[in-house]
Amino acid sequence: MNTEAGLKKSVLVAVGVIENGAGDIFICRRGESQHQAFKWEFPGGKVEAGETVPQALARELEEEIGIRVASCQPFMRIEHDYGDKQVILDIRKVTAFEGEAHGREGQPSRWVPIPELHRYDFPAANAPIVEKLQVQAEG
């Protein structure tokens, strides 16, 4: 009997909370073929073998939204089980970057003021990120 048959593989994901000079946060909408399709998200992606989280974040943000990360710091870490997929989100706050953020892969994207983030439909794993941003903005 294979004891690993019921075990789900966890995926480590580097996530960027990107803030502009006005204090707005950049979000993108997931595509139809992606897990959690059509939900809004903080950009990022899977950490590949041999990569650190900051390296993966820099690579993903350049590929996905066309920016080069100049500075980022740890923000929070979330483990979430969607039932069909388990994710570990290593979230970094991007405080300095070069380039103009935009949906490089054709995905809808926008800058959103922190108090309005709760109006967007995010995957369940992202709820604590929105909550922490809003608590910090109020404090």
N, C-alpha and C. Protein backbone atom coordinates (compact mmCIF):
# COMPACT_ATOMS: atom_id res chain seq x y z
N MET A 1 0.84 -1.18 0.00
CA MET A 1 0.00 0.00 0.00
C MET A 1 0.88 1.25 0.00
N ASN A 2 0.53 2.20 -0.84
CA ASN A 2 1.29 3.44 -0.94
C ASN A 2 0.76 4.44 0.09
N THR A 3 1.55 4.71 1.11
CA THR A 3 1.09 5.60 2.17
C THR A 3 1.12 7.07 1.74
N GLU A 4 1.77 7.37 0.62
CA GLU A 4 1.84 8.76 0.16
C GLU A 4 0.69 9.11 -0.77
N ALA A 5 -0.14 8.16 -1.12
CA ALA A 5 -1.21 8.40 -2.10
C ALA A 5 -2.13 9.54 -1.67
N GLY A 6 -2.41 9.66 -0.40
CA GLY A 6 -3.33 10.68 0.06
C GLY A 6 -2.67 12.01 0.38
N LEU A 7 -1.36 12.08 0.29
CA LEU A 7 -0.66 13.31 0.63
C LEU A 7 -0.65 14.28 -0.55
N LYS A 8 -0.98 15.52 -0.25
CA LYS A 8 -0.93 16.55 -1.28
C LYS A 8 0.42 17.23 -1.22
N LYS A 9 0.91 17.60 -2.37
CA LYS A 9 2.17 18.31 -2.45
C LYS A 9 1.90 19.79 -2.17
N SER A 10 2.73 20.38 -1.33
CA SER A 10 2.64 21.81 -1.08
C SER A 10 3.45 22.56 -2.12
N VAL A 11 2.92 23.67 -2.59
CA VAL A 11 3.60 24.50 -3.56
C VAL A 11 4.04 25.79 -2.86
N LEU A 12 5.34 26.08 -2.92
CA LEU A 12 5.86 27.31 -2.33
C LEU A 12 5.73 28.43 -3.37
N VAL A 13 5.05 29.49 -2.99
CA VAL A 13 4.78 30.59 -3.91
C VAL A 13 5.34 31.89 -3.34
N ALA A 14 6.10 32.62 -4.17
CA ALA A 14 6.60 33.95 -3.80
C ALA A 14 5.54 34.96 -4.24
N VAL A 15 5.09 35.78 -3.30
CA VAL A 15 4.02 36.74 -3.57
C VAL A 15 4.52 38.15 -3.29
N GLY A 16 4.21 39.07 -4.19
CA GLY A 16 4.63 40.46 -4.00
C GLY A 16 3.48 41.38 -3.69
N VAL A 17 3.57 42.08 -2.56
CA VAL A 17 2.63 43.16 -2.25
C VAL A 17 3.37 44.42 -2.68
N ILE A 18 2.97 44.96 -3.83
CA ILE A 18 3.69 46.06 -4.44
C ILE A 18 2.95 47.36 -4.16
N GLU A 19 3.67 48.28 -3.52
CA GLU A 19 3.06 49.56 -3.14
C GLU A 19 3.72 50.69 -3.92
N ASN A 20 2.88 51.59 -4.45
CA ASN A 20 3.43 52.74 -5.17
C ASN A 20 3.56 53.93 -4.22
N GLY A 21 4.03 55.05 -4.74
CA GLY A 21 4.25 56.24 -3.92
C GLY A 21 2.99 56.79 -3.29
N ALA A 22 1.83 56.52 -3.91
CA ALA A 22 0.55 57.00 -3.39
C ALA A 22 -0.01 56.06 -2.31
N GLY A 23 0.69 54.92 -2.08
CA GLY A 23 0.21 53.97 -1.09
C GLY A 23 -0.78 52.96 -1.64
N ASP A 24 -0.98 52.94 -2.97
CA ASP A 24 -1.88 51.97 -3.58
C ASP A 24 -1.14 50.65 -3.80
N ILE A 25 -1.90 49.56 -3.90
CA ILE A 25 -1.36 48.21 -4.05
C ILE A 25 -1.72 47.69 -5.44
N PHE A 26 -0.76 47.04 -6.10
CA PHE A 26 -0.97 46.52 -7.45
C PHE A 26 -1.54 45.10 -7.38
N ILE A 27 -2.65 44.87 -8.09
CA ILE A 27 -3.25 43.52 -8.15
C ILE A 27 -3.54 43.15 -9.60
N CYS A 28 -3.64 41.84 -9.84
CA CYS A 28 -3.93 41.30 -11.17
C CYS A 28 -5.06 40.29 -11.06
N ARG A 29 -5.76 40.05 -12.17
CA ARG A 29 -6.80 39.03 -12.17
C ARG A 29 -6.28 37.77 -12.84
N ARG A 30 -6.56 36.64 -12.20
CA ARG A 30 -6.10 35.34 -12.70
C ARG A 30 -6.87 34.96 -13.97
N GLY A 31 -6.18 34.24 -14.83
CA GLY A 31 -6.78 33.81 -16.10
C GLY A 31 -7.70 32.61 -15.95
N GLU A 32 -8.43 32.35 -17.00
CA GLU A 32 -9.43 31.27 -17.02
C GLU A 32 -8.83 29.90 -16.74
N SER A 33 -7.60 29.65 -17.22
CA SER A 33 -7.00 28.32 -17.08
C SER A 33 -6.24 28.15 -15.77
N GLN A 34 -6.14 29.19 -14.96
CA GLN A 34 -5.37 29.11 -13.72
C GLN A 34 -6.23 28.64 -12.55
N HIS A 35 -5.54 28.07 -11.55
CA HIS A 35 -6.19 27.71 -10.29
C HIS A 35 -6.81 28.98 -9.72
N GLN A 36 -8.02 28.90 -9.17
CA GLN A 36 -8.74 30.06 -8.63
C GLN A 36 -8.97 31.10 -9.75
N ALA A 37 -9.41 30.61 -10.90
CA ALA A 37 -9.63 31.44 -12.09
C ALA A 37 -10.50 32.66 -11.80
N PHE A 38 -10.15 33.76 -12.44
CA PHE A 38 -10.87 35.04 -12.42
C PHE A 38 -10.85 35.77 -11.09
N LYS A 39 -10.15 35.23 -10.10
CA LYS A 39 -10.04 35.96 -8.83
C LYS A 39 -8.86 36.93 -8.94
N TRP A 40 -8.90 37.99 -8.14
CA TRP A 40 -7.82 38.96 -8.11
C TRP A 40 -6.73 38.43 -7.20
N GLU A 41 -5.49 38.82 -7.45
CA GLU A 41 -4.37 38.32 -6.66
C GLU A 41 -3.26 39.35 -6.59
N PHE A 42 -2.40 39.12 -5.63
CA PHE A 42 -1.14 39.85 -5.55
C PHE A 42 -0.18 39.06 -6.44
N PRO A 43 0.53 39.70 -7.37
CA PRO A 43 1.34 38.95 -8.33
C PRO A 43 2.49 38.18 -7.69
N GLY A 44 2.91 37.15 -8.40
CA GLY A 44 4.01 36.30 -7.95
C GLY A 44 3.92 34.96 -8.63
N GLY A 45 4.59 33.98 -8.07
CA GLY A 45 4.55 32.66 -8.68
C GLY A 45 5.39 31.65 -7.92
N LYS A 46 5.39 30.45 -8.46
CA LYS A 46 6.04 29.31 -7.83
C LYS A 46 7.56 29.51 -7.73
N VAL A 47 8.09 29.12 -6.58
CA VAL A 47 9.53 29.15 -6.37
C VAL A 47 10.10 27.87 -6.97
N GLU A 48 11.00 28.03 -7.94
CA GLU A 48 11.59 26.87 -8.62
C GLU A 48 12.75 26.31 -7.79
N ALA A 49 13.12 25.07 -8.07
CA ALA A 49 14.24 24.42 -7.38
C ALA A 49 15.50 25.27 -7.54
N GLY A 50 16.21 25.47 -6.43
CA GLY A 50 17.45 26.22 -6.46
C GLY A 50 17.28 27.73 -6.33
N GLU A 51 16.04 28.21 -6.30
CA GLU A 51 15.78 29.64 -6.16
C GLU A 51 15.48 30.01 -4.72
N THR A 52 15.87 31.21 -4.33
CA THR A 52 15.41 31.75 -3.05
C THR A 52 14.07 32.45 -3.33
N VAL A 53 13.34 32.76 -2.28
CA VAL A 53 12.06 33.46 -2.47
C VAL A 53 12.28 34.82 -3.14
N PRO A 54 13.25 35.64 -2.68
CA PRO A 54 13.46 36.92 -3.37
C PRO A 54 13.84 36.76 -4.85
N GLN A 55 14.62 35.73 -5.18
CA GLN A 55 14.98 35.49 -6.59
C GLN A 55 13.74 35.12 -7.41
N ALA A 56 12.91 34.23 -6.86
CA ALA A 56 11.69 33.83 -7.55
C ALA A 56 10.75 35.02 -7.73
N LEU A 57 10.63 35.83 -6.69
CA LEU A 57 9.75 36.99 -6.76
C LEU A 57 10.23 37.95 -7.85
N ALA A 58 11.53 38.23 -7.87
CA ALA A 58 12.09 39.13 -8.89
C ALA A 58 11.82 38.59 -10.29
N ARG A 59 12.03 37.29 -10.50
CA ARG A 59 11.81 36.67 -11.81
C ARG A 59 10.34 36.75 -12.20
N GLU A 60 9.46 36.34 -11.29
CA GLU A 60 8.02 36.33 -11.57
C GLU A 60 7.47 37.72 -11.85
N LEU A 61 7.89 38.72 -11.06
CA LEU A 61 7.35 40.06 -11.25
C LEU A 61 7.84 40.68 -12.56
N GLU A 62 9.06 40.35 -12.96
CA GLU A 62 9.52 40.85 -14.26
C GLU A 62 8.73 40.19 -15.39
N GLU A 63 8.52 38.86 -15.30
CA GLU A 63 7.78 38.13 -16.33
C GLU A 63 6.31 38.56 -16.38
N GLU A 64 5.69 38.66 -15.21
CA GLU A 64 4.24 38.84 -15.11
C GLU A 64 3.78 40.30 -15.26
N ILE A 65 4.53 41.22 -14.64
CA ILE A 65 4.05 42.61 -14.64
C ILE A 65 5.10 43.63 -15.08
N GLY A 66 6.26 43.18 -15.53
CA GLY A 66 7.25 44.06 -16.14
C GLY A 66 7.99 45.01 -15.22
N ILE A 67 8.16 44.63 -13.95
CA ILE A 67 8.96 45.49 -13.06
C ILE A 67 10.19 44.75 -12.57
N ARG A 68 11.21 45.52 -12.21
CA ARG A 68 12.42 44.97 -11.61
C ARG A 68 12.43 45.37 -10.14
N VAL A 69 12.46 44.40 -9.27
CA VAL A 69 12.43 44.65 -7.83
C VAL A 69 13.77 45.22 -7.38
N ALA A 70 13.72 46.38 -6.72
CA ALA A 70 14.93 46.99 -6.18
C ALA A 70 15.04 46.71 -4.68
N SER A 71 13.89 46.59 -4.01
CA SER A 71 13.90 46.34 -2.57
C SER A 71 12.61 45.64 -2.15
N CYS A 72 12.77 44.59 -1.34
CA CYS A 72 11.60 43.92 -0.77
C CYS A 72 11.95 43.40 0.61
N GLN A 73 10.93 43.25 1.45
CA GLN A 73 11.16 42.71 2.79
C GLN A 73 10.04 41.75 3.15
N PRO A 74 10.33 40.78 4.03
CA PRO A 74 9.29 39.82 4.43
C PRO A 74 8.07 40.54 5.01
N PHE A 75 6.89 40.09 4.61
CA PHE A 75 5.63 40.68 5.07
C PHE A 75 4.86 39.69 5.94
N MET A 76 4.66 38.49 5.42
CA MET A 76 4.01 37.42 6.18
C MET A 76 4.13 36.11 5.40
N ARG A 77 3.77 35.01 6.07
CA ARG A 77 3.80 33.68 5.45
C ARG A 77 2.48 33.01 5.78
N ILE A 78 1.87 32.41 4.76
CA ILE A 78 0.55 31.79 4.92
C ILE A 78 0.58 30.39 4.34
N GLU A 79 0.05 29.43 5.10
CA GLU A 79 -0.16 28.08 4.57
C GLU A 79 -1.65 27.90 4.42
N HIS A 80 -2.07 27.45 3.24
CA HIS A 80 -3.51 27.31 2.97
C HIS A 80 -3.77 26.04 2.17
N ASP A 81 -4.82 25.33 2.55
CA ASP A 81 -5.22 24.11 1.85
C ASP A 81 -6.54 24.38 1.14
N TYR A 82 -6.51 24.35 -0.20
CA TYR A 82 -7.72 24.57 -1.00
C TYR A 82 -8.51 23.28 -1.19
N GLY A 83 -8.01 22.18 -0.69
CA GLY A 83 -8.67 20.90 -0.92
C GLY A 83 -8.02 20.18 -2.09
N ASP A 84 -7.92 20.86 -3.24
CA ASP A 84 -7.29 20.26 -4.41
C ASP A 84 -5.82 20.65 -4.52
N LYS A 85 -5.40 21.61 -3.70
CA LYS A 85 -4.04 22.12 -3.79
C LYS A 85 -3.66 22.77 -2.47
N GLN A 86 -2.44 22.56 -2.04
CA GLN A 86 -1.93 23.15 -0.81
C GLN A 86 -0.85 24.16 -1.18
N VAL A 87 -0.95 25.38 -0.64
CA VAL A 87 0.04 26.40 -0.98
C VAL A 87 0.68 26.97 0.28
N ILE A 88 1.95 27.34 0.13
CA ILE A 88 2.66 28.09 1.16
C ILE A 88 3.02 29.41 0.48
N LEU A 89 2.42 30.49 0.95
CA LEU A 89 2.67 31.80 0.37
C LEU A 89 3.72 32.52 1.21
N ASP A 90 4.84 32.84 0.59
CA ASP A 90 5.88 33.64 1.25
C ASP A 90 5.73 35.04 0.66
N ILE A 91 5.12 35.93 1.43
CA ILE A 91 4.75 37.25 0.93
C ILE A 91 5.81 38.27 1.29
N ARG A 92 6.22 39.04 0.28
CA ARG A 92 7.21 40.10 0.46
C ARG A 92 6.57 41.43 0.07
N LYS A 93 6.87 42.45 0.84
CA LYS A 93 6.40 43.80 0.50
C LYS A 93 7.47 44.43 -0.38
N VAL A 94 7.08 44.80 -1.59
CA VAL A 94 8.00 45.42 -2.54
C VAL A 94 7.87 46.93 -2.37
N THR A 95 8.94 47.55 -1.88
CA THR A 95 8.90 48.97 -1.55
C THR A 95 9.64 49.83 -2.56
N ALA A 96 10.44 49.22 -3.41
CA ALA A 96 11.13 49.97 -4.47
C ALA A 96 11.26 49.07 -5.69
N PHE A 97 10.94 49.64 -6.86
CA PHE A 97 11.03 48.88 -8.10
C PHE A 97 11.26 49.82 -9.26
N GLU A 98 11.70 49.24 -10.37
CA GLU A 98 11.93 50.00 -11.60
C GLU A 98 10.95 49.49 -12.65
N GLY A 99 10.47 50.39 -13.48
CA GLY A 99 9.53 50.01 -14.53
C GLY A 99 8.11 50.39 -14.15
N GLU A 100 7.20 50.20 -15.09
CA GLU A 100 5.79 50.53 -14.89
C GLU A 100 5.00 49.23 -14.81
N ALA A 101 4.40 48.96 -13.66
CA ALA A 101 3.65 47.71 -13.48
C ALA A 101 2.44 47.67 -14.42
N HIS A 102 2.32 46.56 -15.12
CA HIS A 102 1.17 46.34 -16.01
C HIS A 102 1.04 44.84 -16.27
N GLY A 103 -0.12 44.41 -16.72
CA GLY A 103 -0.35 42.99 -17.00
C GLY A 103 0.35 42.58 -18.29
N ARG A 104 1.58 42.11 -18.18
CA ARG A 104 2.38 41.75 -19.35
C ARG A 104 1.82 40.58 -20.14
N GLU A 105 1.03 39.74 -19.48
CA GLU A 105 0.48 38.55 -20.14
C GLU A 105 -0.97 38.81 -20.57
N GLY A 106 -1.36 40.09 -20.63
CA GLY A 106 -2.71 40.44 -21.05
C GLY A 106 -3.75 40.39 -19.93
N GLN A 107 -3.32 40.07 -18.72
CA GLN A 107 -4.26 39.96 -17.61
C GLN A 107 -4.69 41.35 -17.12
N PRO A 108 -5.97 41.51 -16.74
CA PRO A 108 -6.39 42.78 -16.16
C PRO A 108 -5.58 43.06 -14.90
N SER A 109 -5.21 44.31 -14.69
CA SER A 109 -4.44 44.67 -13.51
C SER A 109 -4.72 46.12 -13.16
N ARG A 110 -4.50 46.48 -11.89
CA ARG A 110 -4.74 47.87 -11.48
C ARG A 110 -4.11 48.17 -10.13
N TRP A 111 -3.95 49.47 -9.89
CA TRP A 111 -3.52 49.97 -8.58
C TRP A 111 -4.79 50.23 -7.77
N VAL A 112 -4.82 49.74 -6.54
CA VAL A 112 -6.02 49.88 -5.71
C VAL A 112 -5.63 50.48 -4.35
N PRO A 113 -6.37 51.51 -3.90
CA PRO A 113 -6.12 52.03 -2.55
C PRO A 113 -6.40 50.93 -1.52
N ILE A 114 -5.57 50.85 -0.49
CA ILE A 114 -5.71 49.79 0.52
C ILE A 114 -7.13 49.67 1.09
N PRO A 115 -7.81 50.78 1.43
CA PRO A 115 -9.17 50.64 1.99
C PRO A 115 -10.18 50.01 1.03
N GLU A 116 -9.86 49.94 -0.28
CA GLU A 116 -10.79 49.36 -1.25
C GLU A 116 -10.47 47.91 -1.62
N LEU A 117 -9.38 47.36 -1.11
CA LEU A 117 -8.98 45.99 -1.47
C LEU A 117 -10.07 44.97 -1.15
N HIS A 118 -10.80 45.17 -0.06
CA HIS A 118 -11.82 44.18 0.35
C HIS A 118 -12.96 44.06 -0.67
N ARG A 119 -13.06 45.00 -1.60
CA ARG A 119 -14.12 44.96 -2.62
C ARG A 119 -13.81 43.97 -3.75
N TYR A 120 -12.58 43.47 -3.78
CA TYR A 120 -12.16 42.56 -4.84
C TYR A 120 -12.24 41.11 -4.36
N ASP A 121 -12.54 40.21 -5.30
CA ASP A 121 -12.68 38.79 -5.00
C ASP A 121 -11.31 38.11 -5.09
N PHE A 122 -10.67 37.90 -3.93
CA PHE A 122 -9.36 37.26 -3.85
C PHE A 122 -9.52 35.79 -3.49
N PRO A 123 -8.53 34.94 -3.83
CA PRO A 123 -8.54 33.57 -3.31
C PRO A 123 -8.51 33.60 -1.78
N ALA A 124 -9.07 32.59 -1.15
CA ALA A 124 -9.16 32.55 0.32
C ALA A 124 -7.81 32.73 1.00
N ALA A 125 -6.74 32.20 0.41
CA ALA A 125 -5.41 32.31 1.02
C ALA A 125 -4.93 33.76 1.10
N ASN A 126 -5.50 34.65 0.28
CA ASN A 126 -5.07 36.05 0.26
C ASN A 126 -5.78 36.91 1.28
N ALA A 127 -6.86 36.42 1.89
CA ALA A 127 -7.63 37.23 2.85
C ALA A 127 -6.77 37.79 3.99
N PRO A 128 -5.87 37.01 4.59
CA PRO A 128 -5.04 37.57 5.67
C PRO A 128 -4.11 38.69 5.19
N ILE A 129 -3.73 38.67 3.92
CA ILE A 129 -2.87 39.74 3.38
C ILE A 129 -3.65 41.04 3.34
N VAL A 130 -4.87 40.98 2.80
CA VAL A 130 -5.74 42.16 2.72
C VAL A 130 -6.00 42.69 4.12
N GLU A 131 -6.31 41.78 5.05
CA GLU A 131 -6.60 42.18 6.43
C GLU A 131 -5.40 42.88 7.07
N LYS A 132 -4.20 42.32 6.91
CA LYS A 132 -3.00 42.92 7.52
C LYS A 132 -2.71 44.29 6.90
N LEU A 133 -2.86 44.42 5.58
CA LEU A 133 -2.63 45.71 4.93
C LEU A 133 -3.60 46.76 5.47
N GLN A 134 -4.88 46.36 5.62
CA GLN A 134 -5.88 47.33 6.09
C GLN A 134 -5.66 47.72 7.55
N VAL A 135 -5.26 46.77 8.39
CA VAL A 135 -4.98 47.08 9.80
C VAL A 135 -3.78 48.02 9.88
N GLN A 136 -2.74 47.77 9.10
CA GLN A 136 -1.57 48.64 9.12
C GLN A 136 -1.90 50.03 8.61
N ALA A 137 -2.77 50.12 7.59
CA ALA A 137 -3.13 51.42 7.02
C ALA A 137 -3.93 52.25 8.03
N GLU A 138 -4.74 51.57 8.84
CA GLU A 138 -5.57 52.26 9.83
C GLU A 138 -4.72 52.72 11.02
N GLY A 139 -3.69 51.92 11.34
CA GLY A 139 -2.89 52.18 12.52
C GLY A 139 -1.88 53.26 12.29
